[in-house]
């Protein structure tokens, strides 16, 4: 058996054990079942930035836990918001280079986290270098700056690894045809639906799909003046997109074209808040629910002074409830069973903002953090707990051990930016009570800034966490 096959077999065995634990353990009973697995994605929990097609930010795998850990940092001269792992056990990172802000794919050694091979991609939308997924053949799927839908494979050649473009489908006309072509628009995110179409959303709120059976790409524009600044999510009912003005559910009509099923506007507030990257909802839509795992759909709005967690009926678009949660957030809610978890990012200092982000109101604010758990009940929503966790990453819920994993940022002398007095701590939170179980120092410089990026937990309990210039590999000792 080759080393690669050995790793894959071990990963599969660990994954099966974890899934069996989830199906019978008390943590799973507390938080409900995970949403249905999309057959066109890689493994549940590690195939998308938010874990699955529904963007639940929940995982079937136990995390590193509250005991001793080994934390290794790898400097890559690139910010790494997306770290995924396929069924072969090989982690893959989609990063944005610091120098030219162009995307770069890294294949990582699962035993150490160090890069084994890499591939530079054509620069396009900033978010085009952020949102990607792994398909059922462990290929990374993304759209580059030339308007090509890429499937990126990897293989072992003796002692070396290679990352390569396996296929490229030109979807440029569907992406920019609505605005005259050229570089007038760019893809910000991609996700497959449950029939295998690859859906995409653009910066300027065009949404469409590429049909792999025909090679045809089709798109519609959701709303004049609207933008898409987060990822999209898919479920059996359709595709959810949050623009800077409204939440949409989209599917395919009888003629094979995208169509809007329903639209719900939300309170986008008077301006972008400090700690946000766009004016509007900072949330990727989250499908969740105690039944089939997709009966509800949640985002946060941008209301003042507190942002509301909004929950909708997926089938009808009717609002189930609205409940004030945090001062502001750039993060997608965690959703599992009847529970949602929202982490605050108000005042978080970013070293740079996307083009067109606009000024914030107020111009500056202290990072307030905080996390809230909300349960959906037959009569609406109720707050279960709040805490003061200063989460500097998008948290991840493990339904296997009932813990929320994140990285917190602490500062001795607030300066309005990440400075020499800041430190970053691996943090475990009890999901049932909100209690912070442990915080362990893992970094104390700007290169360790996790910058509200998402962590991914692999089947062997390893947490991969991107930072401003590289990534952490955190594993139980």
Protein backbone atom coordinates (compact mmCIF):
# COMPACT_ATOMS: atom_id res chain seq x y z
CA UNK A 1 0.00 0.00 0.00
CA UNK A 2 1.41 3.44 -0.97
CA UNK A 3 1.76 6.21 1.59
CA UNK A 4 -1.06 8.10 -0.11
CA UNK A 5 -3.37 5.07 -0.10
CA UNK A 6 -2.49 4.46 3.53
CA UNK A 7 -3.42 8.01 4.48
CA UNK A 8 -6.69 7.74 2.55
CA UNK A 9 -7.60 4.47 4.28
CA UNK A 10 -6.84 5.90 7.72
CA UNK A 11 -8.84 9.04 6.94
CA UNK A 12 -11.81 6.98 5.75
CA UNK A 13 -11.70 4.83 8.88
CA UNK A 14 -11.51 7.84 11.18
CA UNK A 15 -14.32 9.53 9.26
CA UNK A 16 -16.56 6.47 9.56
CA UNK A 17 -15.90 6.32 13.30
CA UNK A 18 -16.75 10.00 13.67
CA UNK A 19 -19.97 9.64 11.69
CA UNK A 20 -21.04 6.64 13.76
CA UNK A 21 -20.32 8.68 16.90
CA UNK A 22 -22.51 11.51 15.61
CA UNK A 23 -25.39 9.18 14.82
CA UNK A 24 -25.49 7.76 18.33
CA UNK A 25 -23.88 10.38 20.59
CA UNK A 26 -25.59 12.86 22.88
CA UNK A 27 -24.05 15.88 21.13
CA UNK A 28 -25.86 14.95 17.93
CA UNK A 29 -29.12 14.60 19.85
CA UNK A 30 -28.60 18.09 21.34
CA UNK A 31 -28.06 19.83 18.05
CA UNK A 32 -29.95 17.74 15.52
CA UNK A 33 -28.80 16.09 12.35
CA UNK A 34 -26.51 17.70 9.80
CA UNK A 35 -28.09 18.89 6.54
CA UNK A 36 -28.26 16.40 3.65
CA UNK A 37 -25.00 15.69 1.85
CA UNK A 38 -24.79 17.06 -1.68
CA UNK A 39 -23.73 14.14 -3.95
CA UNK A 40 -21.71 16.50 -6.15
CA UNK A 41 -19.52 17.67 -3.27
CA UNK A 42 -16.63 16.05 -1.44
CA UNK A 43 -16.93 14.85 2.17
CA UNK A 44 -19.54 16.43 4.44
CA UNK A 45 -17.86 18.90 6.77
CA UNK A 46 -14.69 19.56 4.74
CA UNK A 47 -15.76 20.21 1.12
CA UNK A 48 -16.76 23.90 1.37
CA UNK A 49 -15.66 26.93 3.34
CA UNK A 50 -18.74 26.61 5.56
CA UNK A 51 -18.52 22.80 5.68
CA UNK A 52 -21.33 21.78 3.32
CA UNK A 53 -23.54 23.05 0.50
CA UNK A 54 -26.01 24.47 3.04
CA UNK A 55 -23.30 26.53 4.81
CA UNK A 56 -24.19 25.13 8.22
CA UNK A 57 -20.69 25.74 9.69
CA UNK A 58 -21.26 22.47 11.56
CA UNK A 59 -19.11 19.37 11.19
CA UNK A 60 -19.54 15.67 11.97
CA UNK A 61 -15.96 15.51 13.27
CA UNK A 62 -14.69 16.11 16.79
CA UNK A 63 -12.17 18.93 17.14
CA UNK A 64 -8.79 18.99 18.88
CA UNK A 65 -10.54 19.32 22.26
CA UNK A 66 -9.56 21.06 25.48
CA UNK A 67 -6.41 19.05 26.25
CA UNK A 68 -2.84 19.59 25.09
CA UNK A 69 -2.43 20.64 21.49
CA UNK A 70 0.36 21.11 18.96
CA UNK A 71 0.03 24.31 16.96
CA UNK A 72 2.21 24.74 13.87
CA UNK A 73 2.15 27.92 11.78
CA UNK A 74 3.10 27.96 8.09
CA UNK A 75 4.02 31.27 6.45
CA UNK A 76 2.81 31.30 2.81
CA UNK A 77 2.89 35.04 1.93
CA UNK A 78 -0.84 34.69 1.27
CA UNK A 79 -4.08 35.01 3.20
CA UNK A 80 -5.78 31.60 3.36
CA UNK A 81 -9.53 31.86 4.03
CA UNK A 82 -10.47 28.51 2.45
CA UNK A 83 -8.92 25.22 3.58
CA UNK A 84 -10.70 22.06 2.44
CA UNK A 85 -10.01 18.32 2.59
CA UNK A 86 -11.14 15.64 0.14
CA UNK A 87 -11.87 11.96 0.60
CA UNK A 88 -8.21 11.20 -0.16
CA UNK A 89 -7.20 12.98 3.06
CA UNK A 90 -5.22 15.71 1.27
CA UNK A 91 -5.90 19.27 2.53
CA UNK A 92 -6.16 21.99 -0.12
CA UNK A 93 -6.03 25.74 0.51
CA UNK A 94 -7.28 28.53 -1.75
CA UNK A 95 -5.32 31.61 -0.72
CA UNK A 96 -4.89 35.20 -1.89
CA UNK A 97 -1.29 36.34 -2.32
CA UNK A 98 -0.29 39.36 -0.26
CA UNK A 99 1.71 41.02 -3.06
CA UNK A 100 -0.77 41.10 -5.96
CA UNK A 101 -3.99 39.76 -4.35
CA UNK A 102 -4.19 36.99 -6.95
CA UNK A 103 -5.45 33.51 -5.93
CA UNK A 104 -3.12 30.57 -5.39
CA UNK A 105 -3.96 26.94 -4.65
CA UNK A 106 -1.79 25.00 -2.19
CA UNK A 107 -1.79 21.23 -1.67
CA UNK A 108 -0.83 20.48 1.93
CA UNK A 109 0.84 17.58 3.69
CA UNK A 110 -1.83 16.20 6.08
CA UNK A 111 0.85 15.15 8.56
CA UNK A 112 2.45 18.59 8.92
CA UNK A 113 0.41 21.23 7.07
CA UNK A 114 3.39 22.27 4.97
CA UNK A 115 2.78 22.91 1.24
CA UNK A 116 3.58 20.07 -1.15
CA UNK A 117 2.69 21.86 -4.40
CA UNK A 118 0.93 25.00 -5.58
CA UNK A 119 -0.73 26.60 -8.60
CA UNK A 120 -1.20 30.31 -9.42
CA UNK A 121 -4.56 31.38 -10.88
CA UNK A 122 -5.61 34.41 -12.91
CA UNK A 123 -6.68 37.33 -10.74
CA UNK A 124 -10.36 38.31 -10.81
CA UNK A 125 -12.78 39.30 -8.07
CA UNK A 126 -11.21 39.39 -4.62
CA UNK A 127 -13.92 36.99 -3.45
CA UNK A 128 -13.19 34.79 -6.46
CA UNK A 129 -10.01 33.91 -4.61
CA UNK A 130 -12.00 33.01 -1.50
CA UNK A 131 -15.05 30.88 -2.25
CA UNK A 132 -14.51 27.46 -3.83
CA UNK A 133 -15.45 23.85 -3.14
CA UNK A 134 -14.22 20.29 -3.60
CA UNK A 135 -16.28 18.10 -5.92
CA UNK A 136 -16.94 14.39 -5.51
CA UNK A 137 -13.60 13.63 -7.21
CA UNK A 138 -11.61 15.78 -4.75
CA UNK A 139 -11.04 18.49 -7.35
CA UNK A 140 -11.17 22.12 -6.30
CA UNK A 141 -13.79 24.05 -8.28
CA UNK A 142 -13.52 27.81 -8.70
CA UNK A 143 -13.75 30.55 -11.34
CA UNK A 144 -10.63 32.50 -12.31
CA UNK A 145 -10.27 36.07 -13.52
CA UNK A 146 -10.65 35.09 -17.19
CA UNK A 147 -14.17 33.79 -16.62
CA UNK A 148 -13.26 30.11 -16.74
CA UNK A 149 -14.84 27.58 -14.42
CA UNK A 150 -11.89 25.46 -13.31
CA UNK A 151 -11.66 21.96 -11.91
CA UNK A 152 -8.25 21.67 -10.29
CA UNK A 153 -6.77 18.24 -9.64
CA UNK A 154 -3.64 16.96 -7.95
CA UNK A 155 -1.50 13.85 -8.32
CA UNK A 156 1.62 12.25 -6.91
CA UNK A 157 4.61 11.79 -9.23
CA UNK A 158 7.13 9.67 -7.38
CA UNK A 159 8.19 11.77 -4.41
CA UNK A 160 6.63 14.96 -5.79
CA UNK A 161 3.12 16.33 -6.06
CA UNK A 162 1.57 18.40 -8.83
CA UNK A 163 -1.48 20.67 -8.80
CA UNK A 164 -2.99 21.19 -12.26
CA UNK A 165 -6.06 22.43 -14.12
CA UNK A 166 -7.96 19.31 -15.17
CA UNK A 167 -10.72 21.13 -17.06
CA UNK A 168 -11.79 24.69 -17.88
CA UNK A 169 -15.24 25.81 -19.03
CA UNK A 170 -15.68 29.33 -20.35
CA UNK A 171 -18.67 31.02 -18.64
CA UNK A 172 -17.54 34.62 -19.27
CA UNK A 173 -20.54 35.52 -21.45
CA UNK A 174 -23.01 34.48 -18.74
CA UNK A 175 -20.98 36.35 -16.11
CA UNK A 176 -20.56 39.68 -17.92
CA UNK A 177 -23.10 39.60 -20.78
CA UNK A 178 -25.65 41.51 -18.68
CA UNK A 179 -23.30 44.52 -18.39
CA UNK A 180 -21.65 44.65 -21.79
CA UNK A 181 -18.81 42.14 -21.39
CA UNK A 182 -15.15 42.79 -20.64
CA UNK A 183 -14.25 43.10 -16.98
CA UNK A 184 -17.54 44.75 -15.92
CA UNK A 185 -18.32 41.96 -13.44
CA UNK A 186 -16.67 38.93 -11.85
CA UNK A 187 -17.69 35.74 -10.06
CA UNK A 188 -17.59 35.95 -6.29
CA UNK A 189 -18.68 32.41 -5.33
CA UNK A 190 -19.62 28.97 -6.69
CA UNK A 191 -21.56 25.97 -5.36
CA UNK A 192 -23.20 22.90 -6.98
CA UNK A 193 -26.91 22.27 -6.63
CA UNK A 194 -28.27 18.81 -5.92
CA UNK A 195 -28.68 18.09 -9.66
CA UNK A 196 -25.03 18.82 -10.47
CA UNK A 197 -25.35 22.29 -11.97
CA UNK A 198 -22.55 24.60 -10.85
CA UNK A 199 -24.15 27.83 -9.62
CA UNK A 200 -22.31 31.11 -9.37
CA UNK A 201 -22.98 34.63 -8.13
CA UNK A 202 -21.16 37.75 -9.25
CA UNK A 203 -20.10 40.92 -7.47
CA UNK A 204 -22.93 42.83 -9.21
CA UNK A 205 -25.65 40.33 -8.23
CA UNK A 206 -25.93 38.25 -11.39
CA UNK A 207 -26.67 34.64 -10.51
CA UNK A 208 -26.66 31.62 -12.78
CA UNK A 209 -25.29 28.18 -13.44
CA UNK A 210 -23.14 26.13 -15.75
CA UNK A 211 -24.73 22.84 -16.77
CA UNK A 212 -21.95 20.22 -17.01
CA UNK A 213 -24.10 17.98 -19.22
CA UNK A 214 -24.38 20.64 -21.95
CA UNK A 215 -21.63 23.15 -21.19
CA UNK A 216 -24.25 25.92 -21.36
CA UNK A 217 -24.15 28.75 -18.80
CA UNK A 218 -27.18 30.95 -18.06
CA UNK A 219 -27.66 33.86 -15.66
CA UNK A 220 -30.11 36.53 -14.47
CA UNK A 221 -29.58 39.77 -12.53
CA UNK A 222 -31.24 39.81 -9.12
CA UNK A 223 -31.62 43.53 -8.48
CA UNK A 224 -30.24 46.80 -9.91
CA UNK A 225 -27.64 48.33 -7.62
CA UNK A 226 -27.36 45.22 -5.45
CA UNK A 227 -24.06 43.48 -4.71
CA UNK A 228 -23.07 40.01 -3.54
CA UNK A 229 -20.32 40.04 -0.92
CA UNK A 230 -20.69 36.56 0.58
CA UNK A 231 -20.94 32.97 -0.57
CA UNK A 232 -24.03 31.22 -1.88
CA UNK A 233 -25.65 28.12 -0.40
CA UNK A 234 -27.60 25.26 -1.97
CA UNK A 235 -30.18 22.78 -0.68
CA UNK A 236 -32.71 20.47 -2.36
CA UNK A 237 -35.16 23.42 -2.40
CA UNK A 238 -32.86 25.74 -4.36
CA UNK A 239 -30.02 28.25 -4.14
CA UNK A 240 -29.86 30.96 -1.46
CA UNK A 241 -28.12 34.28 -2.15
CA UNK A 242 -27.85 37.24 0.21
CA UNK A 243 -27.25 40.51 -1.61
CA UNK A 244 -26.53 43.84 0.05
CA UNK A 245 -30.31 44.45 0.03
CA UNK A 246 -32.25 41.18 0.19
CA UNK A 247 -32.24 37.41 0.64
CA UNK A 248 -33.25 35.33 -2.39
CA UNK A 249 -34.15 31.73 -3.07
CA UNK A 250 -33.52 30.82 -6.72
CA UNK A 251 -34.09 27.66 -8.76
CA UNK A 252 -34.56 26.57 -12.40
CA UNK A 253 -37.79 27.14 -14.35
CA UNK A 254 -39.39 24.79 -16.90
CA UNK A 255 -37.33 26.29 -19.72
CA UNK A 256 -34.06 25.63 -17.96
CA UNK A 257 -33.40 29.23 -16.91
CA UNK A 258 -32.67 30.60 -13.43
CA UNK A 259 -35.71 32.11 -11.71
CA UNK A 260 -36.39 33.84 -8.39
CA UNK A 261 -38.67 31.76 -6.14
CA UNK A 262 -38.92 34.46 -3.48
CA UNK A 263 -37.19 37.63 -2.29
CA UNK A 264 -37.15 39.10 1.21
CA UNK A 265 -35.66 42.56 1.77
CA UNK A 266 -33.98 43.24 5.11
CA UNK A 267 -32.91 46.30 7.10
CA UNK A 268 -29.47 47.16 5.67
CA UNK A 269 -28.95 50.06 8.07
CA UNK A 270 -27.61 53.55 7.31
CA UNK A 271 -24.08 52.44 6.33
CA UNK A 272 -21.43 49.75 6.58
CA UNK A 273 -20.43 49.11 10.18
CA UNK A 274 -16.82 48.88 11.38
CA UNK A 275 -15.91 45.20 11.38
CA UNK A 276 -17.80 44.55 8.15
CA UNK A 277 -16.51 44.31 4.57
CA UNK A 278 -19.67 45.53 2.81
CA UNK A 279 -22.81 47.56 3.46
CA UNK A 280 -25.51 45.00 4.13
CA UNK A 281 -25.70 41.53 5.58
CA UNK A 282 -22.31 40.05 6.36
CA UNK A 283 -23.77 36.56 6.35
CA UNK A 284 -23.65 33.72 3.88
CA UNK A 285 -27.20 32.22 4.08
CA UNK A 286 -27.50 29.20 6.37
CA UNK A 287 -29.94 26.37 5.71
CA UNK A 288 -30.82 24.45 8.89
CA UNK A 289 -33.69 22.77 10.73
CA UNK A 290 -34.63 19.98 13.15
CA UNK A 291 -36.34 17.89 10.47
CA UNK A 292 -34.65 17.48 7.09
CA UNK A 293 -31.97 20.03 7.98
CA UNK A 294 -33.04 22.59 5.38
CA UNK A 295 -36.57 23.74 6.31
CA UNK A 296 -35.27 27.08 7.61
CA UNK A 297 -32.97 29.71 6.12
CA UNK A 298 -31.12 32.30 8.23
CA UNK A 299 -29.09 35.49 7.76
CA UNK A 300 -28.30 38.55 9.85
CA UNK A 301 -29.40 42.03 8.81
CA UNK A 302 -27.51 45.31 9.34
CA UNK A 303 -29.90 47.05 11.72
CA UNK A 304 -28.84 49.64 14.30
CA UNK A 305 -27.98 49.39 17.14
CA UNK A 306 -28.20 45.58 17.26
CA UNK A 307 -28.28 43.35 14.20
CA UNK A 308 -31.18 40.95 14.00
CA UNK A 309 -30.93 37.25 13.28
CA UNK A 310 -33.61 36.60 10.66
CA UNK A 311 -35.13 33.15 10.12
CA UNK A 312 -37.32 32.32 7.10
CA UNK A 313 -39.38 29.36 5.99
CA UNK A 314 -37.36 27.96 3.08
CA UNK A 315 -40.40 26.85 1.07
CA UNK A 316 -42.41 30.06 1.27
CA UNK A 317 -39.99 32.81 2.27
CA UNK A 318 -42.26 33.74 5.18
CA UNK A 319 -40.34 35.16 8.12
CA UNK A 320 -40.38 32.91 11.18
CA UNK A 321 -38.74 35.36 13.55
CA UNK A 322 -36.38 38.28 14.04
CA UNK A 323 -34.29 38.60 17.20
CA UNK A 324 -31.57 41.16 18.13
CA UNK A 325 -28.20 39.47 18.64
CA UNK A 326 -24.84 41.29 18.22
CA UNK A 327 -23.63 44.83 17.47
CA UNK A 328 -22.54 43.73 13.99
CA UNK A 329 -21.14 40.70 12.19
CA UNK A 330 -19.34 39.72 9.01
CA UNK A 331 -19.87 36.02 9.71
CA UNK A 332 -22.40 33.42 8.68
CA UNK A 333 -24.51 31.92 11.50
CA UNK A 334 -23.86 28.35 12.58
CA UNK A 335 -27.02 26.29 12.09
CA UNK A 336 -27.76 22.83 13.47
CA UNK A 337 -31.10 21.34 14.43
CA UNK A 338 -33.16 24.12 16.01
CA UNK A 339 -30.10 26.11 17.10
CA UNK A 340 -28.26 29.05 15.56
CA UNK A 341 -25.04 30.65 16.80
CA UNK A 342 -23.98 34.18 15.83
CA UNK A 343 -20.51 35.65 16.49
CA UNK A 344 -19.99 39.43 16.58
CA UNK A 345 -17.26 41.13 14.54
CA UNK A 346 -18.21 44.76 15.27
CA UNK A 347 -15.07 46.91 15.28
CA UNK A 348 -12.74 44.18 14.04
CA UNK A 349 -9.78 45.94 12.34
CA UNK A 350 -9.01 44.78 8.81
CA UNK A 351 -5.72 45.78 7.16
CA UNK A 352 -7.55 46.44 3.86
CA UNK A 353 -11.11 46.55 2.52
CA UNK A 354 -12.57 45.36 -0.80
CA UNK A 355 -12.98 47.91 -3.57
CA UNK A 356 -16.22 49.83 -3.17
CA UNK A 357 -16.69 48.93 0.51
CA UNK A 358 -17.33 52.59 1.34
CA UNK A 359 -16.87 54.34 4.69
CA UNK A 360 -18.14 52.80 7.90
CA UNK A 361 -20.40 54.52 10.40
CA UNK A 362 -18.86 55.23 12.86
CA UNK A 363 -15.41 55.48 11.25
CA UNK A 364 -13.81 53.47 14.07
CA UNK A 365 -14.95 51.37 17.00
CA UNK A 366 -13.52 48.97 19.53
CA UNK A 367 -13.82 45.26 18.75
CA UNK A 368 -16.71 44.09 20.95
CA UNK A 369 -17.03 40.43 19.89
CA UNK A 370 -19.59 38.35 21.73
CA UNK A 371 -21.49 35.24 20.71
CA UNK A 372 -25.19 34.39 20.95
CA UNK A 373 -27.11 31.13 20.75
CA UNK A 374 -30.71 31.33 19.52
CA UNK A 375 -33.19 28.45 19.37
CA UNK A 376 -36.11 28.35 16.94
CA UNK A 377 -39.30 27.21 18.65
CA UNK A 378 -42.91 26.74 17.64
CA UNK A 379 -43.67 30.31 18.73
CA UNK A 380 -40.62 32.04 17.24
CA UNK A 381 -37.04 32.41 18.47
CA UNK A 382 -35.50 32.74 21.91
CA UNK A 383 -32.00 33.60 23.08
CA UNK A 384 -30.50 30.65 24.98
CA UNK A 385 -27.19 32.22 26.01
CA UNK A 386 -24.73 35.00 25.30
CA UNK A 387 -21.02 35.22 26.03
CA UNK A 388 -18.18 37.70 25.55
CA UNK A 389 -15.90 35.58 23.35
CA UNK A 390 -13.70 37.80 21.17
CA UNK A 391 -13.90 35.51 18.17
CA UNK A 392 -11.42 36.46 15.42
CA UNK A 393 -12.50 33.61 13.13
CA UNK A 394 -15.75 32.13 11.82
CA UNK A 395 -16.58 29.55 14.52
CA UNK A 396 -17.20 25.90 13.71
CA UNK A 397 -19.61 23.65 15.67
CA UNK A 398 -18.69 20.00 16.15
CA UNK A 399 -21.85 17.93 16.61
CA UNK A 400 -19.57 15.03 17.60
CA UNK A 401 -18.25 16.64 20.80
CA UNK A 402 -20.71 19.53 21.32
CA UNK A 403 -17.98 22.18 21.17
CA UNK A 404 -17.55 25.36 19.16
CA UNK A 405 -14.01 25.93 17.86
CA UNK A 406 -12.58 29.34 17.03
CA UNK A 407 -9.60 31.65 17.56
CA UNK A 408 -9.96 34.67 19.84
CA UNK A 409 -8.05 37.95 19.62
CA UNK A 410 -6.95 39.80 22.74
CA UNK A 411 -5.23 43.17 22.90
CA UNK A 412 -3.50 45.00 25.74
CA UNK A 413 -3.38 48.44 24.08
CA UNK A 414 -6.21 49.04 21.55
CA UNK A 415 -4.78 50.85 18.51
CA UNK A 416 -7.54 50.45 15.91
CA UNK A 417 -5.42 47.87 14.08
CA UNK A 418 -3.68 44.59 14.84
CA UNK A 419 -0.53 45.60 16.71
CA UNK A 420 2.37 44.32 18.79
CA UNK A 421 0.23 43.96 21.91
CA UNK A 422 -2.28 41.59 20.28
CA UNK A 423 -2.32 37.85 20.76
CA UNK A 424 -4.37 35.04 19.25
CA UNK A 425 -5.69 32.05 21.19
CA UNK A 426 -7.11 28.68 20.18
CA UNK A 427 -10.51 28.67 21.88
CA UNK A 428 -13.08 25.99 22.70
CA UNK A 429 -16.62 26.93 23.74
CA UNK A 430 -19.27 24.62 25.19
CA UNK A 431 -22.17 24.87 22.73
CA UNK A 432 -24.81 23.91 25.30
CA UNK A 433 -23.96 26.63 27.83
CA UNK A 434 -21.77 29.18 26.02
CA UNK A 435 -19.01 28.66 28.58
CA UNK A 436 -15.46 29.24 27.31
CA UNK A 437 -13.76 25.95 28.19
CA UNK A 438 -10.22 26.87 27.19
CA UNK A 439 -8.07 29.53 25.50
CA UNK A 440 -4.49 28.69 24.53
CA UNK A 441 -1.98 31.11 23.05
CA UNK A 442 -0.97 30.20 19.48
CA UNK A 443 0.37 33.47 18.07
CA UNK A 444 1.24 37.04 19.00
CA UNK A 445 2.05 38.95 15.79
CA UNK A 446 0.13 40.35 12.83
CA UNK A 447 1.04 37.33 10.68
CA UNK A 448 -1.03 35.19 13.05
CA UNK A 449 -4.13 37.38 12.57
CA UNK A 450 -6.99 35.02 11.69
CA UNK A 451 -8.92 37.95 10.20
CA UNK A 452 -12.40 36.41 10.65
CA UNK A 453 -11.51 33.46 8.39
CA UNK A 454 -13.06 29.99 8.72
CA UNK A 455 -11.43 27.01 10.38
CA UNK A 456 -11.88 23.47 9.00
CA UNK A 457 -11.81 20.34 11.18
CA UNK A 458 -10.54 17.17 9.51
CA UNK A 459 -11.59 13.61 10.40
CA UNK A 460 -8.45 13.09 12.54
CA UNK A 461 -9.46 16.05 14.82
CA UNK A 462 -6.98 18.46 13.22
CA UNK A 463 -8.08 22.09 12.89
CA UNK A 464 -6.76 24.04 9.89
CA UNK A 465 -7.10 27.78 10.38
CA UNK A 466 -6.14 30.42 7.83
CA UNK A 467 -4.46 33.70 8.74
CA UNK A 468 -3.44 36.92 7.03
CA UNK A 469 -0.19 35.39 5.72
CA UNK A 470 -0.56 31.61 6.00
CA UNK A 471 -2.23 28.97 8.12
CA UNK A 472 -2.23 27.11 11.42
CA UNK A 473 -2.36 23.34 11.79
CA UNK A 474 -3.70 22.61 15.28
CA UNK A 475 -3.86 18.99 16.44
CA UNK A 476 -4.40 17.15 19.75
CA UNK A 477 -1.11 16.04 21.28
